């Protein structure tokens, strides 16, 4: 019985800790995929999404590295 309670508390604590682990991410601007090559200014250095480019700087949604200016 005690193990079951500890497991339940551990799972609940992990869930609630993950809900607000990065509050600054909630304030981040959403990335806009560039549809025009002239508007494409930033891209992931690891090419996680192939040649997908963005109009604003930010972090790659896949690997979370900073996008680099083209």
C-alpha atoms as a PDB file:
ATOM      1  CA  UNK A   1       0.000   0.000   0.000  1.00  0.00           C
ATOM      2  CA  UNK A   2       2.795   2.434   0.898  1.00  0.00           C
ATOM      3  CA  UNK A   3       4.601   1.726  -2.372  1.00  0.00           C
ATOM      4  CA  UNK A   4       1.427   2.495  -4.298  1.00  0.00           C
ATOM      5  CA  UNK A   5       1.031   5.857  -2.532  1.00  0.00           C
ATOM      6  CA  UNK A   6       4.684   6.778  -3.098  1.00  0.00           C
ATOM      7  CA  UNK A   7       4.424   5.879  -6.767  1.00  0.00           C
ATOM      8  CA  UNK A   8       1.264   7.967  -7.153  1.00  0.00           C
ATOM      9  CA  UNK A   9       2.888  10.960  -5.425  1.00  0.00           C
ATOM     10  CA  UNK A  10       6.027  10.628  -7.560  1.00  0.00           C
ATOM     11  CA  UNK A  11       4.035  10.572 -10.789  1.00  0.00           C
ATOM     12  CA  UNK A  12       1.940  13.557  -9.680  1.00  0.00           C
ATOM     13  CA  UNK A  13       5.042  15.544  -8.679  1.00  0.00           C
ATOM     14  CA  UNK A  14       6.727  14.832 -12.013  1.00  0.00           C
ATOM     15  CA  UNK A  15       3.603  15.900 -13.887  1.00  0.00           C
ATOM     16  CA  UNK A  16       3.216  19.181 -12.040  1.00  0.00           C
ATOM     17  CA  UNK A  17       6.945  19.961 -12.208  1.00  0.00           C
ATOM     18  CA  UNK A  18       6.885  19.526 -15.978  1.00  0.00           C
ATOM     19  CA  UNK A  19       3.863  21.765 -16.465  1.00  0.00           C
ATOM     20  CA  UNK A  20       5.739  24.920 -15.603  1.00  0.00           C
ATOM     21  CA  UNK A  21       9.370  23.892 -16.019  1.00  0.00           C
ATOM     22  CA  UNK A  22      10.126  26.632 -18.553  1.00  0.00           C
ATOM     23  CA  UNK A  23       7.900  29.652 -17.973  1.00  0.00           C
ATOM     24  CA  UNK A  24       9.821  31.765 -20.495  1.00  0.00           C
ATOM     25  CA  UNK A  25       8.737  29.389 -23.286  1.00  0.00           C
ATOM     26  CA  UNK A  26       5.156  30.557 -22.787  1.00  0.00           C
ATOM     27  CA  UNK A  27       6.220  34.111 -23.642  1.00  0.00           C
ATOM     28  CA  UNK A  28       8.193  33.143 -26.755  1.00  0.00           C
ATOM     29  CA  UNK A  29       7.036  34.407 -30.135  1.00  0.00           C
ATOM     30  CA  UNK A  30       5.627  31.669 -32.354  1.00  0.00           C
ATOM     31  CA  UNK A  31       7.845  30.747 -35.295  1.00  0.00           C
ATOM     32  CA  UNK A  32       6.513  31.667 -38.730  1.00  0.00           C
ATOM     33  CA  UNK A  33       7.597  29.455 -41.619  1.00  0.00           C
ATOM     34  CA  UNK A  34       8.807  31.531 -44.533  1.00  0.00           C
ATOM     35  CA  UNK A  35       6.809  30.864 -47.694  1.00  0.00           C
ATOM     36  CA  UNK A  36       8.886  33.242 -49.826  1.00  0.00           C
ATOM     37  CA  UNK A  37      12.646  32.793 -50.207  1.00  0.00           C
ATOM     38  CA  UNK A  38      13.104  36.551 -49.726  1.00  0.00           C
ATOM     39  CA  UNK A  39      11.373  36.337 -46.338  1.00  0.00           C
ATOM     40  CA  UNK A  40      13.479  33.359 -45.176  1.00  0.00           C
ATOM     41  CA  UNK A  41      15.986  34.707 -42.703  1.00  0.00           C
ATOM     42  CA  UNK A  42      16.604  32.015 -40.060  1.00  0.00           C
ATOM     43  CA  UNK A  43      17.216  28.269 -40.209  1.00  0.00           C
ATOM     44  CA  UNK A  44      18.213  25.428 -37.879  1.00  0.00           C
ATOM     45  CA  UNK A  45      21.959  24.732 -38.113  1.00  0.00           C
ATOM     46  CA  UNK A  46      21.258  20.983 -37.803  1.00  0.00           C
ATOM     47  CA  UNK A  47      18.687  21.041 -40.643  1.00  0.00           C
ATOM     48  CA  UNK A  48      16.232  19.050 -38.477  1.00  0.00           C
ATOM     49  CA  UNK A  49      13.371  20.040 -40.748  1.00  0.00           C
ATOM     50  CA  UNK A  50      15.317  20.000 -44.003  1.00  0.00           C
ATOM     51  CA  UNK A  51      15.376  23.391 -45.705  1.00  0.00           C
ATOM     52  CA  UNK A  52      12.558  24.878 -43.624  1.00  0.00           C
ATOM     53  CA  UNK A  53      13.316  28.533 -42.922  1.00  0.00           C
ATOM     54  CA  UNK A  54      11.651  31.030 -40.607  1.00  0.00           C
ATOM     55  CA  UNK A  55      10.986  34.745 -40.760  1.00  0.00           C
ATOM     56  CA  UNK A  56      11.967  35.404 -37.135  1.00  0.00           C
ATOM     57  CA  UNK A  57      14.755  34.265 -34.872  1.00  0.00           C
ATOM     58  CA  UNK A  58      14.037  31.720 -32.173  1.00  0.00           C
ATOM     59  CA  UNK A  59      14.706  28.076 -31.374  1.00  0.00           C
ATOM     60  CA  UNK A  60      14.264  25.028 -33.581  1.00  0.00           C
ATOM     61  CA  UNK A  61      11.020  23.276 -32.601  1.00  0.00           C
ATOM     62  CA  UNK A  62      12.725  19.881 -32.996  1.00  0.00           C
ATOM     63  CA  UNK A  63      16.203  20.151 -31.398  1.00  0.00           C
ATOM     64  CA  UNK A  64      15.717  23.498 -29.590  1.00  0.00           C
ATOM     65  CA  UNK A  65      18.981  24.941 -30.924  1.00  0.00           C
ATOM     66  CA  UNK A  66      19.059  28.649 -31.732  1.00  0.00           C
ATOM     67  CA  UNK A  67      18.146  29.354 -35.345  1.00  0.00           C
ATOM     68  CA  UNK A  68      20.957  30.951 -37.337  1.00  0.00           C
ATOM     69  CA  UNK A  69      20.669  33.867 -39.730  1.00  0.00           C
ATOM     70  CA  UNK A  70      20.930  32.955 -43.408  1.00  0.00           C
END
